[in-house]
N, C-alpha and C. Protein backbone atom coordinates (compact mmCIF):
# COMPACT_ATOMS: atom_id res chain seq x y z
N ASP A 1 19.17 35.99 65.55
CA ASP A 1 19.41 37.21 64.81
C ASP A 1 18.08 37.88 64.44
N GLU A 2 18.15 38.97 63.74
CA GLU A 2 16.94 39.72 63.43
C GLU A 2 16.16 39.14 62.26
N TYR A 3 16.80 38.30 61.46
CA TYR A 3 16.15 37.80 60.25
C TYR A 3 15.36 36.52 60.50
N SER A 4 15.78 35.70 61.45
CA SER A 4 15.14 34.41 61.65
C SER A 4 14.83 34.18 63.12
N ARG A 5 13.94 33.22 63.35
CA ARG A 5 13.61 32.83 64.72
C ARG A 5 13.20 31.36 64.73
N ILE A 6 13.30 30.77 65.88
CA ILE A 6 12.92 29.38 66.07
C ILE A 6 11.53 29.36 66.68
N VAL A 7 10.63 28.60 66.07
CA VAL A 7 9.26 28.49 66.53
C VAL A 7 9.01 27.03 66.93
N VAL A 8 8.55 26.82 68.16
CA VAL A 8 8.21 25.47 68.64
C VAL A 8 6.70 25.44 68.84
N LYS A 9 6.05 24.52 68.14
CA LYS A 9 4.60 24.36 68.25
C LYS A 9 4.30 23.09 69.03
N VAL A 10 3.27 23.16 69.88
CA VAL A 10 2.91 22.02 70.72
C VAL A 10 1.42 21.74 70.53
N ARG A 11 1.10 20.44 70.39
CA ARG A 11 -0.31 20.03 70.28
C ARG A 11 -0.53 18.88 71.25
N PHE A 12 -1.56 19.02 72.07
CA PHE A 12 -1.93 17.99 73.04
C PHE A 12 -3.18 17.29 72.56
N GLU A 13 -3.19 15.96 72.70
CA GLU A 13 -4.40 15.18 72.47
C GLU A 13 -4.67 14.39 73.74
N LEU A 14 -5.85 14.55 74.30
CA LEU A 14 -6.22 13.89 75.54
C LEU A 14 -7.29 12.85 75.25
N TYR A 15 -7.12 11.64 75.80
CA TYR A 15 -8.05 10.55 75.58
C TYR A 15 -8.49 9.93 76.89
N MET A 16 -9.72 9.46 76.95
CA MET A 16 -10.26 8.70 78.07
C MET A 16 -10.00 9.39 79.41
N ILE A 17 -10.38 10.64 79.53
CA ILE A 17 -10.19 11.40 80.77
C ILE A 17 -11.33 11.07 81.73
N ASN A 18 -10.98 10.59 82.92
CA ASN A 18 -11.97 10.22 83.94
C ASN A 18 -11.59 10.89 85.26
N ASP A 19 -12.59 11.26 86.04
CA ASP A 19 -12.35 11.79 87.38
C ASP A 19 -12.17 10.62 88.34
N ILE A 20 -11.12 10.69 89.16
CA ILE A 20 -10.85 9.65 90.14
C ILE A 20 -10.47 10.31 91.46
N GLU A 21 -10.47 9.50 92.52
CA GLU A 21 -10.01 9.97 93.83
C GLU A 21 -8.75 9.20 94.19
N VAL A 22 -7.71 9.93 94.59
CA VAL A 22 -6.41 9.33 94.90
C VAL A 22 -6.08 9.64 96.36
N LYS A 23 -5.63 8.63 97.10
CA LYS A 23 -5.22 8.83 98.48
C LYS A 23 -3.72 9.09 98.52
N THR A 24 -3.34 10.25 99.03
CA THR A 24 -1.93 10.59 99.22
C THR A 24 -1.78 11.21 100.60
N ASP A 25 -0.84 10.71 101.36
CA ASP A 25 -0.56 11.24 102.71
C ASP A 25 -1.83 11.29 103.56
N SER A 26 -2.58 10.23 103.54
CA SER A 26 -3.83 10.08 104.30
C SER A 26 -4.88 11.14 103.94
N LYS A 27 -4.76 11.73 102.76
CA LYS A 27 -5.77 12.66 102.26
C LYS A 27 -6.29 12.14 100.92
N THR A 28 -7.51 12.47 100.64
CA THR A 28 -8.10 12.07 99.37
C THR A 28 -8.17 13.29 98.45
N LYS A 29 -7.58 13.15 97.27
CA LYS A 29 -7.60 14.23 96.29
C LYS A 29 -8.38 13.81 95.07
N LYS A 30 -9.08 14.75 94.49
CA LYS A 30 -9.76 14.49 93.23
C LYS A 30 -8.80 14.84 92.09
N MET A 31 -8.61 13.87 91.21
CA MET A 31 -7.71 14.06 90.07
C MET A 31 -8.36 13.48 88.82
N GLN A 32 -7.64 13.60 87.74
CA GLN A 32 -8.12 13.04 86.50
C GLN A 32 -7.11 12.04 85.97
N LYS A 33 -7.65 10.99 85.35
CA LYS A 33 -6.82 9.93 84.80
C LYS A 33 -7.11 9.83 83.32
N GLY A 34 -6.08 9.63 82.53
CA GLY A 34 -6.28 9.49 81.10
C GLY A 34 -4.96 9.38 80.37
N GLU A 35 -5.04 9.44 79.06
CA GLU A 35 -3.86 9.37 78.22
C GLU A 35 -3.62 10.71 77.55
N VAL A 36 -2.34 11.06 77.43
CA VAL A 36 -1.95 12.31 76.79
C VAL A 36 -0.95 12.01 75.68
N ASN A 37 -1.25 12.49 74.49
CA ASN A 37 -0.28 12.46 73.39
C ASN A 37 0.17 13.89 73.15
N VAL A 38 1.48 14.08 73.09
CA VAL A 38 2.05 15.40 72.87
C VAL A 38 2.84 15.38 71.57
N TYR A 39 2.52 16.32 70.70
CA TYR A 39 3.23 16.45 69.43
C TYR A 39 3.93 17.81 69.41
N THR A 40 5.23 17.80 69.20
CA THR A 40 5.98 19.04 69.11
C THR A 40 6.59 19.17 67.72
N THR A 41 6.60 20.38 67.24
CA THR A 41 7.20 20.68 65.95
C THR A 41 8.07 21.91 66.13
N ALA A 42 9.30 21.84 65.67
CA ALA A 42 10.21 22.98 65.72
C ALA A 42 10.57 23.36 64.29
N GLU A 43 10.52 24.65 64.02
CA GLU A 43 10.85 25.11 62.67
C GLU A 43 11.60 26.42 62.72
N LEU A 44 12.36 26.66 61.68
CA LEU A 44 13.09 27.91 61.53
C LEU A 44 12.27 28.82 60.63
N GLN A 45 11.93 29.98 61.13
CA GLN A 45 11.11 30.93 60.38
C GLN A 45 11.99 32.11 59.98
N THR A 46 12.11 32.30 58.67
CA THR A 46 12.91 33.42 58.17
C THR A 46 11.99 34.58 57.84
N ASP A 47 12.57 35.76 57.74
CA ASP A 47 11.83 36.99 57.46
C ASP A 47 10.71 37.19 58.48
N ARG A 48 11.09 37.21 59.74
CA ARG A 48 10.08 37.25 60.79
C ARG A 48 9.33 38.57 60.87
N GLN A 49 9.82 39.63 60.27
CA GLN A 49 9.09 40.90 60.26
C GLN A 49 8.29 41.08 58.97
N ASP A 50 8.26 40.09 58.10
CA ASP A 50 7.55 40.12 56.82
C ASP A 50 7.97 41.28 55.94
N TYR A 51 9.21 41.66 56.04
CA TYR A 51 9.71 42.75 55.20
C TYR A 51 9.80 42.33 53.74
N TRP A 52 10.22 41.09 53.49
CA TRP A 52 10.46 40.62 52.13
C TRP A 52 9.17 40.21 51.42
N ALA A 53 8.05 40.16 52.08
CA ALA A 53 6.79 39.73 51.46
C ALA A 53 5.97 40.90 50.95
N GLN A 54 6.54 42.08 50.86
CA GLN A 54 5.77 43.26 50.47
C GLN A 54 5.39 43.26 49.00
N ASN A 55 6.29 42.85 48.11
CA ASN A 55 5.97 42.79 46.69
C ASN A 55 6.74 41.65 46.02
N VAL A 56 6.51 41.47 44.75
CA VAL A 56 7.08 40.34 44.03
C VAL A 56 8.60 40.42 43.95
N PHE A 57 9.13 41.59 43.71
CA PHE A 57 10.58 41.75 43.61
C PHE A 57 11.27 41.38 44.92
N PHE A 58 10.74 41.89 46.03
CA PHE A 58 11.31 41.57 47.33
C PHE A 58 11.19 40.07 47.61
N SER A 59 10.09 39.46 47.20
CA SER A 59 9.91 38.02 47.39
C SER A 59 10.99 37.25 46.63
N PHE A 60 11.27 37.66 45.40
CA PHE A 60 12.33 37.03 44.62
C PHE A 60 13.69 37.22 45.31
N MET A 61 13.95 38.42 45.80
CA MET A 61 15.21 38.70 46.47
C MET A 61 15.36 37.88 47.76
N ARG A 62 14.23 37.63 48.43
CA ARG A 62 14.28 36.80 49.64
C ARG A 62 14.73 35.39 49.28
N GLY A 63 14.16 34.82 48.21
CA GLY A 63 14.57 33.49 47.77
C GLY A 63 16.05 33.45 47.44
N PHE A 64 16.54 34.46 46.75
CA PHE A 64 17.96 34.54 46.41
C PHE A 64 18.80 34.64 47.68
N TYR A 65 18.38 35.50 48.59
CA TYR A 65 19.12 35.70 49.85
C TYR A 65 19.17 34.40 50.66
N ASP A 66 18.02 33.71 50.77
CA ASP A 66 17.98 32.47 51.54
C ASP A 66 18.84 31.38 50.91
N ARG A 67 18.82 31.27 49.59
CA ARG A 67 19.53 30.17 48.92
C ARG A 67 21.03 30.38 48.85
N TYR A 68 21.47 31.60 48.63
CA TYR A 68 22.89 31.81 48.33
C TYR A 68 23.66 32.56 49.41
N ILE A 69 23.07 33.53 50.04
CA ILE A 69 23.80 34.36 51.00
C ILE A 69 23.65 33.84 52.43
N TYR A 70 22.43 33.54 52.84
CA TYR A 70 22.13 33.15 54.21
C TYR A 70 22.19 31.63 54.40
N ARG A 71 22.58 30.89 53.38
CA ARG A 71 22.55 29.44 53.40
C ARG A 71 23.38 28.83 54.53
N SER A 72 24.57 29.32 54.73
CA SER A 72 25.42 28.75 55.78
C SER A 72 24.81 28.97 57.17
N SER A 73 24.19 30.11 57.36
CA SER A 73 23.54 30.37 58.65
C SER A 73 22.34 29.46 58.84
N ILE A 74 21.59 29.22 57.77
CA ILE A 74 20.43 28.33 57.86
C ILE A 74 20.88 26.92 58.21
N GLU A 75 21.95 26.46 57.59
CA GLU A 75 22.47 25.12 57.89
C GLU A 75 22.91 25.02 59.34
N ARG A 76 23.54 26.07 59.85
CA ARG A 76 23.98 26.08 61.25
C ARG A 76 22.77 26.09 62.19
N LEU A 77 21.74 26.85 61.84
CA LEU A 77 20.57 26.97 62.69
C LEU A 77 19.69 25.72 62.67
N LYS A 78 19.78 24.91 61.63
CA LYS A 78 18.98 23.68 61.58
C LYS A 78 19.29 22.77 62.75
N GLY A 79 20.56 22.64 63.09
CA GLY A 79 20.95 21.83 64.25
C GLY A 79 20.42 22.42 65.55
N GLU A 80 20.44 23.73 65.64
CA GLU A 80 19.93 24.40 66.83
C GLU A 80 18.41 24.23 66.96
N VAL A 81 17.72 24.28 65.84
CA VAL A 81 16.26 24.07 65.83
C VAL A 81 15.95 22.67 66.32
N TRP A 82 16.67 21.69 65.77
CA TRP A 82 16.46 20.29 66.16
C TRP A 82 16.71 20.11 67.66
N LYS A 83 17.81 20.69 68.15
CA LYS A 83 18.16 20.56 69.57
C LYS A 83 17.11 21.23 70.46
N ASN A 84 16.67 22.43 70.10
CA ASN A 84 15.66 23.13 70.91
C ASN A 84 14.34 22.37 70.94
N GLY A 85 13.95 21.80 69.81
CA GLY A 85 12.72 21.03 69.77
C GLY A 85 12.77 19.82 70.68
N TRP A 86 13.86 19.06 70.62
CA TRP A 86 14.00 17.89 71.48
C TRP A 86 14.17 18.26 72.95
N ASP A 87 14.90 19.33 73.23
CA ASP A 87 15.04 19.77 74.63
C ASP A 87 13.69 20.15 75.23
N PHE A 88 12.89 20.88 74.46
CA PHE A 88 11.56 21.25 74.95
C PHE A 88 10.70 20.01 75.17
N PHE A 89 10.72 19.07 74.23
CA PHE A 89 9.94 17.85 74.37
C PHE A 89 10.36 17.07 75.61
N ASN A 90 11.66 16.93 75.85
CA ASN A 90 12.12 16.19 77.02
C ASN A 90 11.79 16.89 78.33
N GLU A 91 11.84 18.22 78.34
CA GLU A 91 11.43 18.97 79.55
C GLU A 91 9.95 18.77 79.83
N LEU A 92 9.14 18.82 78.79
CA LEU A 92 7.70 18.62 78.94
C LEU A 92 7.40 17.21 79.42
N LYS A 93 8.10 16.24 78.87
CA LYS A 93 7.92 14.85 79.27
C LYS A 93 8.28 14.66 80.74
N ALA A 94 9.39 15.25 81.17
CA ALA A 94 9.81 15.16 82.57
C ALA A 94 8.79 15.85 83.49
N PHE A 95 8.26 16.98 83.05
CA PHE A 95 7.26 17.69 83.84
C PHE A 95 6.01 16.84 84.02
N LEU A 96 5.56 16.21 82.94
CA LEU A 96 4.35 15.39 83.04
C LEU A 96 4.60 14.12 83.86
N GLN A 97 5.83 13.64 83.93
CA GLN A 97 6.14 12.47 84.76
C GLN A 97 6.06 12.79 86.24
N LEU A 98 6.18 14.06 86.62
CA LEU A 98 6.13 14.46 88.02
C LEU A 98 4.77 14.15 88.64
N TYR A 99 3.73 14.16 87.86
CA TYR A 99 2.38 14.05 88.38
C TYR A 99 1.76 12.67 88.19
N ARG A 100 2.57 11.64 88.24
CA ARG A 100 2.06 10.27 88.16
C ARG A 100 1.84 9.77 89.58
N TYR A 101 0.66 9.16 89.79
CA TYR A 101 0.37 8.58 91.11
C TYR A 101 -0.01 7.13 90.92
C-alpha cells in the first residue's frame, strides 16, 4: 500500500579470500576461495513518504494511527515481511551454492 513498504537489508562478510586456479572441462580458471557470511534483515517501514514526520502534532497522530487504526494491517504485514525475508535469504543461498567447485 502507499503507507508502508517492506525493506530487506543485506550485509556480506568475506573472510580468508585467496586466489586459486580451478580445472573445469580441461580448462584452468582463476577463481577465489573463501568464506562468506550473509546477514539479512527484513523490516516493515511505515510512513514511507515521511509525511507524518513534518511536525510534532503529525508525529503524535502517526503513533495513534499506527497503534489503533492501522494495527490489523501491521499484524497482517508482519507475516509477509517474515516470509519475504526468508524467501530472499533462501534464493541468495541457492544462488551462492551454484558456484561451488
